[in-house]
């Protein structure tokens, strides 16, 4: 017996893995170090799949990156695209959505585009499109933001004090 993602007692179920599919190479960067720091704190670290930046014109590069992202999505996974035009969600909303996918035993794959963003085919295939606000973020930094939000959501679902609401500045 154990506790599920919502803290209820019952048979312990395995947490489906999370895959982060991201354009570009982060190796050696400060952003990658921050991503690694938060990913390591998760109960089950996400698997990071790095996609080579596309060549050619910006549109050609974006199209090539999109095709490579879709090819990297595991079969049966719920695809979540991170895009400026996506839904703004609170941490609580994000955590609840993640919990529903976990409860359903869904593997979740997050897609992060390159400098030109995500191709329309990725956005069309996504079950959910999420934004981290309306600001434009460097694509390497989005990895770190995602890892932090995954850790924060996981902490919230487990009742861990990392996530605090209602306090000034947080």
C-alpha atoms as a PDB file:
ATOM      1  CA  UNK A   1       0.000   0.000   0.000  1.00  0.00           C
ATOM      2  CA  UNK A   2       1.093   3.539  -0.646  1.00  0.00           C
ATOM      3  CA  UNK A   3      -0.237   6.951  -1.587  1.00  0.00           C
ATOM      4  CA  UNK A   4      -1.267   8.077  -5.050  1.00  0.00           C
ATOM      5  CA  UNK A   5      -0.475  11.490  -6.602  1.00  0.00           C
ATOM      6  CA  UNK A   6      -3.380  13.060  -4.709  1.00  0.00           C
ATOM      7  CA  UNK A   7      -2.178  11.628  -1.376  1.00  0.00           C
ATOM      8  CA  UNK A   8      -4.910   8.956  -1.093  1.00  0.00           C
ATOM      9  CA  UNK A   9      -4.034   5.569   0.376  1.00  0.00           C
ATOM     10  CA  UNK A  10      -4.348   2.588  -1.894  1.00  0.00           C
ATOM     11  CA  UNK A  11      -2.285   0.344  -4.111  1.00  0.00           C
ATOM     12  CA  UNK A  12       0.918   2.103  -5.086  1.00  0.00           C
ATOM     13  CA  UNK A  13       0.828   2.878  -8.799  1.00  0.00           C
ATOM     14  CA  UNK A  14       3.852   3.676 -10.852  1.00  0.00           C
ATOM     15  CA  UNK A  15       4.110   7.276 -11.993  1.00  0.00           C
ATOM     16  CA  UNK A  16       4.145   7.414 -15.783  1.00  0.00           C
ATOM     17  CA  UNK A  17       7.354   8.937 -17.079  1.00  0.00           C
ATOM     18  CA  UNK A  18       7.631  12.412 -18.533  1.00  0.00           C
ATOM     19  CA  UNK A  19       9.555  13.144 -21.702  1.00  0.00           C
ATOM     20  CA  UNK A  20      10.857  16.618 -22.560  1.00  0.00           C
ATOM     21  CA  UNK A  21      11.522  17.019 -26.281  1.00  0.00           C
ATOM     22  CA  UNK A  22      13.480  20.206 -26.874  1.00  0.00           C
ATOM     23  CA  UNK A  23      15.149  21.802 -29.873  1.00  0.00           C
ATOM     24  CA  UNK A  24      18.806  22.714 -29.401  1.00  0.00           C
ATOM     25  CA  UNK A  25      21.706  21.519 -27.315  1.00  0.00           C
ATOM     26  CA  UNK A  26      21.898  22.720 -23.743  1.00  0.00           C
ATOM     27  CA  UNK A  27      25.053  20.912 -22.706  1.00  0.00           C
ATOM     28  CA  UNK A  28      27.328  23.086 -20.575  1.00  0.00           C
ATOM     29  CA  UNK A  29      24.917  26.016 -20.332  1.00  0.00           C
ATOM     30  CA  UNK A  30      23.713  27.654 -17.127  1.00  0.00           C
ATOM     31  CA  UNK A  31      20.134  27.010 -18.275  1.00  0.00           C
ATOM     32  CA  UNK A  32      20.841  23.291 -18.644  1.00  0.00           C
ATOM     33  CA  UNK A  33      22.395  23.201 -15.167  1.00  0.00           C
ATOM     34  CA  UNK A  34      19.221  24.757 -13.757  1.00  0.00           C
ATOM     35  CA  UNK A  35      17.067  22.270 -15.691  1.00  0.00           C
ATOM     36  CA  UNK A  36      19.196  19.401 -14.345  1.00  0.00           C
ATOM     37  CA  UNK A  37      18.903  20.729 -10.787  1.00  0.00           C
ATOM     38  CA  UNK A  38      15.096  20.657 -10.814  1.00  0.00           C
ATOM     39  CA  UNK A  39      14.801  17.477 -12.888  1.00  0.00           C
ATOM     40  CA  UNK A  40      16.983  15.634 -10.368  1.00  0.00           C
ATOM     41  CA  UNK A  41      14.642  16.670  -7.542  1.00  0.00           C
ATOM     42  CA  UNK A  42      11.641  14.977  -9.139  1.00  0.00           C
ATOM     43  CA  UNK A  43      10.653  11.518  -7.951  1.00  0.00           C
ATOM     44  CA  UNK A  44      11.098  10.336 -11.524  1.00  0.00           C
ATOM     45  CA  UNK A  45      13.410  12.563 -13.568  1.00  0.00           C
ATOM     46  CA  UNK A  46      12.089  13.406 -17.029  1.00  0.00           C
ATOM     47  CA  UNK A  47      13.848  11.953 -20.038  1.00  0.00           C
ATOM     48  CA  UNK A  48      15.302  14.793 -22.114  1.00  0.00           C
ATOM     49  CA  UNK A  49      15.390  14.321 -25.881  1.00  0.00           C
ATOM     50  CA  UNK A  50      17.336  17.036 -27.680  1.00  0.00           C
ATOM     51  CA  UNK A  51      16.444  17.748 -31.303  1.00  0.00           C
ATOM     52  CA  UNK A  52      19.034  19.279 -33.625  1.00  0.00           C
ATOM     53  CA  UNK A  53      18.259  22.804 -34.751  1.00  0.00           C
ATOM     54  CA  UNK A  54      16.854  22.818 -38.274  1.00  0.00           C
ATOM     55  CA  UNK A  55      18.818  24.189 -41.205  1.00  0.00           C
ATOM     56  CA  UNK A  56      17.710  26.444 -44.029  1.00  0.00           C
ATOM     57  CA  UNK A  57      15.356  29.396 -43.910  1.00  0.00           C
ATOM     58  CA  UNK A  58      13.543  30.016 -40.618  1.00  0.00           C
ATOM     59  CA  UNK A  59      10.398  28.367 -42.037  1.00  0.00           C
ATOM     60  CA  UNK A  60      12.340  25.346 -43.327  1.00  0.00           C
ATOM     61  CA  UNK A  61      14.146  25.006 -39.996  1.00  0.00           C
ATOM     62  CA  UNK A  62      10.880  25.194 -38.077  1.00  0.00           C
ATOM     63  CA  UNK A  63       9.283  22.569 -40.349  1.00  0.00           C
ATOM     64  CA  UNK A  64      12.257  20.196 -39.949  1.00  0.00           C
ATOM     65  CA  UNK A  65      12.291  20.685 -36.173  1.00  0.00           C
ATOM     66  CA  UNK A  66       8.547  20.014 -36.038  1.00  0.00           C
ATOM     67  CA  UNK A  67       8.901  16.749 -37.932  1.00  0.00           C
ATOM     68  CA  UNK A  68      11.761  15.665 -35.646  1.00  0.00           C
ATOM     69  CA  UNK A  69       9.749  16.552 -32.531  1.00  0.00           C
ATOM     70  CA  UNK A  70       6.759  14.502 -33.687  1.00  0.00           C
ATOM     71  CA  UNK A  71       9.041  11.572 -34.533  1.00  0.00           C
ATOM     72  CA  UNK A  72      10.405  11.693 -30.958  1.00  0.00           C
ATOM     73  CA  UNK A  73       6.984  11.610 -29.252  1.00  0.00           C
ATOM     74  CA  UNK A  74       6.543   8.152 -27.725  1.00  0.00           C
ATOM     75  CA  UNK A  75       3.602   6.160 -29.044  1.00  0.00           C
ATOM     76  CA  UNK A  76       0.446   6.816 -27.032  1.00  0.00           C
ATOM     77  CA  UNK A  77       1.916   9.819 -25.196  1.00  0.00           C
ATOM     78  CA  UNK A  78      -0.099  12.923 -24.405  1.00  0.00           C
ATOM     79  CA  UNK A  79       1.706  15.734 -26.211  1.00  0.00           C
ATOM     80  CA  UNK A  80       1.871  19.127 -24.516  1.00  0.00           C
ATOM     81  CA  UNK A  81       3.275  21.962 -26.620  1.00  0.00           C
ATOM     82  CA  UNK A  82       4.909  24.914 -24.876  1.00  0.00           C
ATOM     83  CA  UNK A  83       4.023  27.963 -26.945  1.00  0.00           C
ATOM     84  CA  UNK A  84       3.472  31.670 -26.412  1.00  0.00           C
ATOM     85  CA  UNK A  85      -0.094  31.272 -27.741  1.00  0.00           C
ATOM     86  CA  UNK A  86      -0.959  28.533 -25.248  1.00  0.00           C
ATOM     87  CA  UNK A  87      -3.111  28.612 -22.139  1.00  0.00           C
ATOM     88  CA  UNK A  88      -1.897  30.501 -19.099  1.00  0.00           C
ATOM     89  CA  UNK A  89      -2.406  28.259 -16.080  1.00  0.00           C
ATOM     90  CA  UNK A  90      -1.753  28.700 -12.412  1.00  0.00           C
ATOM     91  CA  UNK A  91       0.554  26.208 -10.761  1.00  0.00           C
ATOM     92  CA  UNK A  92      -2.498  24.620  -9.149  1.00  0.00           C
ATOM     93  CA  UNK A  93      -4.204  24.189 -12.531  1.00  0.00           C
ATOM     94  CA  UNK A  94      -1.040  22.734 -14.039  1.00  0.00           C
ATOM     95  CA  UNK A  95      -0.649  20.339 -11.091  1.00  0.00           C
ATOM     96  CA  UNK A  96      -4.283  19.220 -11.365  1.00  0.00           C
ATOM     97  CA  UNK A  97      -3.908  18.571 -15.102  1.00  0.00           C
ATOM     98  CA  UNK A  98      -0.687  16.624 -14.500  1.00  0.00           C
ATOM     99  CA  UNK A  99      -2.415  14.611 -11.758  1.00  0.00           C
ATOM    100  CA  UNK A 100      -5.290  13.691 -14.110  1.00  0.00           C
ATOM    101  CA  UNK A 101      -2.829  12.444 -16.721  1.00  0.00           C
ATOM    102  CA  UNK A 102      -0.936  10.469 -14.086  1.00  0.00           C
ATOM    103  CA  UNK A 103      -4.161   8.990 -12.687  1.00  0.00           C
ATOM    104  CA  UNK A 104      -5.046   7.858 -16.212  1.00  0.00           C
ATOM    105  CA  UNK A 105      -1.587   6.295 -16.539  1.00  0.00           C
ATOM    106  CA  UNK A 106      -0.688   8.631 -19.398  1.00  0.00           C
ATOM    107  CA  UNK A 107       2.890   9.190 -20.454  1.00  0.00           C
ATOM    108  CA  UNK A 108       3.287  12.937 -21.059  1.00  0.00           C
ATOM    109  CA  UNK A 109       5.653  14.462 -23.611  1.00  0.00           C
ATOM    110  CA  UNK A 110       6.384  18.196 -23.493  1.00  0.00           C
ATOM    111  CA  UNK A 111       7.578  19.849 -26.717  1.00  0.00           C
ATOM    112  CA  UNK A 112       9.780  22.955 -26.653  1.00  0.00           C
ATOM    113  CA  UNK A 113      10.567  24.601 -29.979  1.00  0.00           C
ATOM    114  CA  UNK A 114      13.695  26.389 -31.075  1.00  0.00           C
ATOM    115  CA  UNK A 115      14.318  30.047 -31.790  1.00  0.00           C
ATOM    116  CA  UNK A 116      11.449  30.151 -34.314  1.00  0.00           C
ATOM    117  CA  UNK A 117       8.982  28.396 -32.012  1.00  0.00           C
ATOM    118  CA  UNK A 118       6.975  25.264 -32.771  1.00  0.00           C
ATOM    119  CA  UNK A 119       5.738  24.288 -36.205  1.00  0.00           C
ATOM    120  CA  UNK A 120       1.974  24.284 -36.782  1.00  0.00           C
ATOM    121  CA  UNK A 121       1.970  20.464 -37.137  1.00  0.00           C
ATOM    122  CA  UNK A 122       3.214  20.117 -33.550  1.00  0.00           C
ATOM    123  CA  UNK A 123       0.612  22.566 -32.245  1.00  0.00           C
ATOM    124  CA  UNK A 124      -2.127  20.734 -34.170  1.00  0.00           C
ATOM    125  CA  UNK A 125      -1.049  17.340 -32.784  1.00  0.00           C
ATOM    126  CA  UNK A 126      -0.801  18.581 -29.173  1.00  0.00           C
ATOM    127  CA  UNK A 127      -3.497  17.567 -26.709  1.00  0.00           C
ATOM    128  CA  UNK A 128      -2.741  20.754 -24.789  1.00  0.00           C
ATOM    129  CA  UNK A 129      -0.843  23.961 -25.552  1.00  0.00           C
ATOM    130  CA  UNK A 130       0.652  25.700 -22.529  1.00  0.00           C
ATOM    131  CA  UNK A 131       2.327  29.096 -22.097  1.00  0.00           C
ATOM    132  CA  UNK A 132       4.518  30.336 -19.279  1.00  0.00           C
ATOM    133  CA  UNK A 133       2.978  33.790 -19.456  1.00  0.00           C
ATOM    134  CA  UNK A 134       2.917  36.157 -22.418  1.00  0.00           C
ATOM    135  CA  UNK A 135       6.615  36.987 -22.332  1.00  0.00           C
ATOM    136  CA  UNK A 136       9.000  35.496 -24.870  1.00  0.00           C
ATOM    137  CA  UNK A 137      11.553  33.213 -23.192  1.00  0.00           C
ATOM    138  CA  UNK A 138      14.810  31.826 -24.605  1.00  0.00           C
ATOM    139  CA  UNK A 139      14.132  28.204 -25.548  1.00  0.00           C
ATOM    140  CA  UNK A 140      16.897  26.901 -23.267  1.00  0.00           C
ATOM    141  CA  UNK A 141      15.408  28.794 -20.331  1.00  0.00           C
ATOM    142  CA  UNK A 142      11.973  27.275 -21.051  1.00  0.00           C
ATOM    143  CA  UNK A 143      13.490  23.874 -20.212  1.00  0.00           C
ATOM    144  CA  UNK A 144      14.459  25.140 -16.764  1.00  0.00           C
ATOM    145  CA  UNK A 145      11.049  26.775 -16.261  1.00  0.00           C
ATOM    146  CA  UNK A 146       9.331  23.512 -17.189  1.00  0.00           C
ATOM    147  CA  UNK A 147      11.495  21.443 -14.841  1.00  0.00           C
ATOM    148  CA  UNK A 148      10.801  23.874 -11.995  1.00  0.00           C
ATOM    149  CA  UNK A 149       7.053  23.803 -12.664  1.00  0.00           C
ATOM    150  CA  UNK A 150       7.073  19.995 -12.811  1.00  0.00           C
ATOM    151  CA  UNK A 151       8.886  19.906  -9.471  1.00  0.00           C
ATOM    152  CA  UNK A 152       6.529  22.518  -8.006  1.00  0.00           C
ATOM    153  CA  UNK A 153       3.456  20.619  -9.254  1.00  0.00           C
ATOM    154  CA  UNK A 154       4.795  17.340  -7.884  1.00  0.00           C
ATOM    155  CA  UNK A 155       5.534  19.003  -4.530  1.00  0.00           C
ATOM    156  CA  UNK A 156       2.034  20.477  -4.432  1.00  0.00           C
ATOM    157  CA  UNK A 157       0.433  17.103  -5.194  1.00  0.00           C
ATOM    158  CA  UNK A 158       2.453  15.464  -2.412  1.00  0.00           C
ATOM    159  CA  UNK A 159       1.661  18.208   0.103  1.00  0.00           C
ATOM    160  CA  UNK A 160       5.322  19.221   0.325  1.00  0.00           C
ATOM    161  CA  UNK A 161       5.905  22.794   1.585  1.00  0.00           C
ATOM    162  CA  UNK A 162       7.986  23.865  -1.471  1.00  0.00           C
ATOM    163  CA  UNK A 163       4.901  25.415  -3.087  1.00  0.00           C
ATOM    164  CA  UNK A 164       3.429  28.207  -0.999  1.00  0.00           C
ATOM    165  CA  UNK A 165       0.397  30.255  -1.956  1.00  0.00           C
ATOM    166  CA  UNK A 166      -0.990  33.368  -0.400  1.00  0.00           C
ATOM    167  CA  UNK A 167       2.302  34.769   0.795  1.00  0.00           C
ATOM    168  CA  UNK A 168       3.731  38.094  -0.352  1.00  0.00           C
ATOM    169  CA  UNK A 169       5.980  37.696  -3.361  1.00  0.00           C
ATOM    170  CA  UNK A 170       5.062  34.068  -4.005  1.00  0.00           C
END
